[in-house]
Amino acid sequence: MSQAVQSMINRKEMYKYQDMIDLPHHVSRTHPPMPIQDRAAQFAPFAALSGHYEAVRETARLTEVRTELDEGIREELNRELRRIQEQIGRGEAVSFTYFVPDPKKSGGAYVTVTGCVKKIKEYERAILLEDGTEIPADEIISIQRSPQ
């Protein structure tokens, strides 16, 4: 298409709405005009990929692999738990390092908690500390009793 023809079409388009260009802006009698702050909110940015940042962060979060203990270490831990059970009520602080499985992905984290043992739940295989912390006995990898 030539420039002359294009120019003619543009002029034609421009004059198409000439009758409306000089009309006053319409203001509704029933609906008040929207405040400028609310109008600006319509054009605010939005998260097109909602949850994407959280998903990337969760994927990048590292977990540890659970260590499998051999029978000798497992037996030593059980003997130590029996000694602790005999000492319950004496206020002796004990540190337990145990594995906490991650609820969202494979692996987990090793946590060390120190406190006085309130009760050993043999049936549930759990240790209850005086502060209310419950430790699964099968997840314990280390027990440290405080020196007296």
Protein backbone atom coordinates (compact mmCIF):
# COMPACT_ATOMS: atom_id res chain seq x y z
CA MET A 1 0.00 0.00 0.00
CA SER A 2 1.36 3.40 -0.92
CA GLN A 3 1.99 6.18 1.57
CA ALA A 4 -0.64 8.39 -0.02
CA VAL A 5 -3.32 5.73 0.37
CA GLN A 6 -2.20 5.03 3.95
CA SER A 7 -2.32 8.76 4.76
CA MET A 8 -5.82 9.01 3.36
CA ILE A 9 -7.01 6.05 5.45
CA ASN A 10 -5.46 7.57 8.60
CA ARG A 11 -7.23 10.90 7.97
CA LYS A 12 -10.49 9.10 7.36
CA GLU A 13 -10.09 7.21 10.67
CA MET A 14 -9.22 10.41 12.49
CA TYR A 15 -12.36 12.19 11.28
CA LYS A 16 -14.56 9.18 11.97
CA TYR A 17 -14.91 10.20 15.66
CA GLN A 18 -14.62 13.98 15.12
CA ASP A 19 -18.20 14.54 16.29
CA MET A 20 -17.38 13.06 19.73
CA ILE A 21 -13.96 14.58 20.37
CA ASP A 22 -15.21 17.90 21.75
CA LEU A 23 -18.06 16.48 23.85
CA PRO A 24 -17.78 16.92 27.64
CA HIS A 25 -16.73 13.90 29.71
CA HIS A 26 -19.73 11.96 31.02
CA VAL A 27 -20.17 11.86 34.81
CA SER A 28 -22.69 9.41 36.24
CA ARG A 29 -25.33 10.70 38.64
CA THR A 30 -25.77 7.32 40.37
CA HIS A 31 -22.19 6.08 40.55
CA PRO A 32 -19.64 8.39 42.18
CA PRO A 33 -16.20 8.57 40.52
CA MET A 34 -13.63 6.09 41.79
CA PRO A 35 -10.92 7.59 44.03
CA ILE A 36 -7.54 7.86 42.29
CA GLN A 37 -5.89 5.48 44.79
CA ASP A 38 -8.43 2.76 43.99
CA ARG A 39 -7.99 3.35 40.26
CA ALA A 40 -4.24 2.94 40.66
CA ALA A 41 -4.78 -0.41 42.41
CA GLN A 42 -6.41 -1.77 39.24
CA PHE A 43 -3.11 -1.43 37.46
CA ALA A 44 -0.89 -2.78 40.24
CA PRO A 45 1.40 -5.69 39.34
CA PHE A 46 0.23 -9.18 40.16
CA ALA A 47 1.98 -12.51 40.62
CA ALA A 48 1.36 -14.35 37.38
CA LEU A 49 3.07 -17.44 38.80
CA SER A 50 1.63 -17.45 42.30
CA GLY A 51 3.41 -19.98 44.46
CA HIS A 52 6.35 -20.33 42.08
CA TYR A 53 8.82 -18.59 44.41
CA GLU A 54 7.76 -20.81 47.33
CA ALA A 55 8.07 -23.94 45.17
CA VAL A 56 11.59 -23.00 44.08
CA ARG A 57 12.59 -22.22 47.67
CA GLU A 58 11.16 -25.57 48.88
CA THR A 59 13.07 -27.45 46.18
CA ALA A 60 16.31 -25.70 47.13
CA ARG A 61 15.87 -26.50 50.84
CA LEU A 62 18.33 -29.20 51.84
CA THR A 63 17.51 -32.22 53.95
CA GLU A 64 19.75 -34.82 55.54
CA VAL A 65 19.65 -38.55 54.93
CA ARG A 66 18.69 -40.74 57.89
CA THR A 67 21.67 -42.69 59.27
CA GLU A 68 21.05 -46.37 59.82
CA LEU A 69 22.67 -47.54 63.05
CA ASP A 70 24.18 -51.00 63.41
CA GLU A 71 22.97 -53.39 66.10
CA GLY A 72 25.88 -52.68 68.47
CA ILE A 73 25.13 -48.97 68.65
CA ARG A 74 21.39 -49.65 68.91
CA GLU A 75 22.02 -51.97 71.90
CA GLU A 76 24.22 -49.34 73.59
CA LEU A 77 21.48 -46.72 73.16
CA ASN A 78 18.91 -49.11 74.67
CA ARG A 79 21.20 -49.75 77.67
CA GLU A 80 21.62 -46.00 78.15
CA LEU A 81 17.84 -45.53 78.02
CA ARG A 82 17.42 -48.19 80.75
CA ARG A 83 19.99 -46.33 82.92
CA ILE A 84 18.14 -43.06 82.34
CA GLN A 85 14.84 -44.72 83.28
CA GLU A 86 16.36 -45.73 86.62
CA GLN A 87 17.47 -42.09 87.19
CA ILE A 88 14.08 -40.43 86.40
CA GLY A 89 13.11 -37.88 89.02
CA ARG A 90 16.66 -36.87 89.98
CA GLY A 91 16.67 -33.81 87.70
CA GLU A 92 19.56 -34.98 85.53
CA ALA A 93 19.79 -33.17 82.18
CA VAL A 94 20.18 -35.42 79.15
CA SER A 95 20.91 -34.44 75.53
CA PHE A 96 19.28 -36.47 72.77
CA THR A 97 20.21 -36.19 69.10
CA TYR A 98 17.51 -37.65 66.92
CA PHE A 99 16.19 -37.60 63.35
CA VAL A 100 13.06 -35.61 62.48
CA PRO A 101 11.61 -36.67 59.10
CA ASP A 102 10.69 -33.84 56.73
CA PRO A 103 6.93 -33.76 56.10
CA LYS A 104 7.29 -32.43 52.53
CA LYS A 105 10.19 -34.32 50.99
CA SER A 106 12.52 -37.25 51.55
CA GLY A 107 15.10 -36.90 54.28
CA GLY A 108 14.88 -34.68 57.32
CA ALA A 109 17.05 -33.03 59.94
CA TYR A 110 18.98 -34.07 63.02
CA VAL A 111 17.92 -32.18 66.13
CA THR A 112 19.60 -32.07 69.55
CA VAL A 113 17.37 -31.45 72.56
CA THR A 114 18.49 -31.18 76.18
CA GLY A 115 16.18 -31.60 79.13
CA CYS A 116 15.16 -33.70 82.10
CA VAL A 117 13.39 -36.96 81.30
CA LYS A 118 9.91 -37.10 82.77
CA LYS A 119 8.86 -40.51 81.47
CA ILE A 120 9.89 -43.23 79.05
CA LYS A 121 6.87 -44.58 77.21
CA GLU A 122 7.87 -48.16 76.50
CA TYR A 123 4.79 -49.14 74.51
CA GLU A 124 4.95 -46.05 72.26
CA ARG A 125 8.78 -46.19 72.21
CA ALA A 126 9.08 -42.50 73.09
CA ILE A 127 10.87 -40.35 75.65
CA LEU A 128 8.89 -37.54 77.25
CA LEU A 129 10.87 -34.61 78.61
CA GLU A 130 9.65 -32.33 81.41
CA ASP A 131 9.12 -29.46 78.92
CA GLY A 132 6.65 -31.62 76.96
CA THR A 133 9.00 -32.60 74.12
CA GLU A 134 8.38 -36.15 72.94
CA ILE A 135 11.26 -37.94 71.24
CA PRO A 136 10.74 -41.14 69.21
CA ALA A 137 13.18 -43.68 70.67
CA ASP A 138 13.79 -45.34 67.29
CA GLU A 139 15.06 -42.06 65.80
CA ILE A 140 17.71 -41.39 68.49
CA ILE A 141 21.32 -41.63 67.29
CA SER A 142 23.10 -40.17 70.32
CA ILE A 143 22.53 -39.76 74.07
CA GLN A 144 24.73 -37.52 76.23
CA ARG A 145 24.21 -37.42 79.98
CA SER A 146 25.48 -34.35 81.80
CA PRO A 147 28.47 -34.99 84.09
CA GLN A 148 27.61 -34.95 87.79
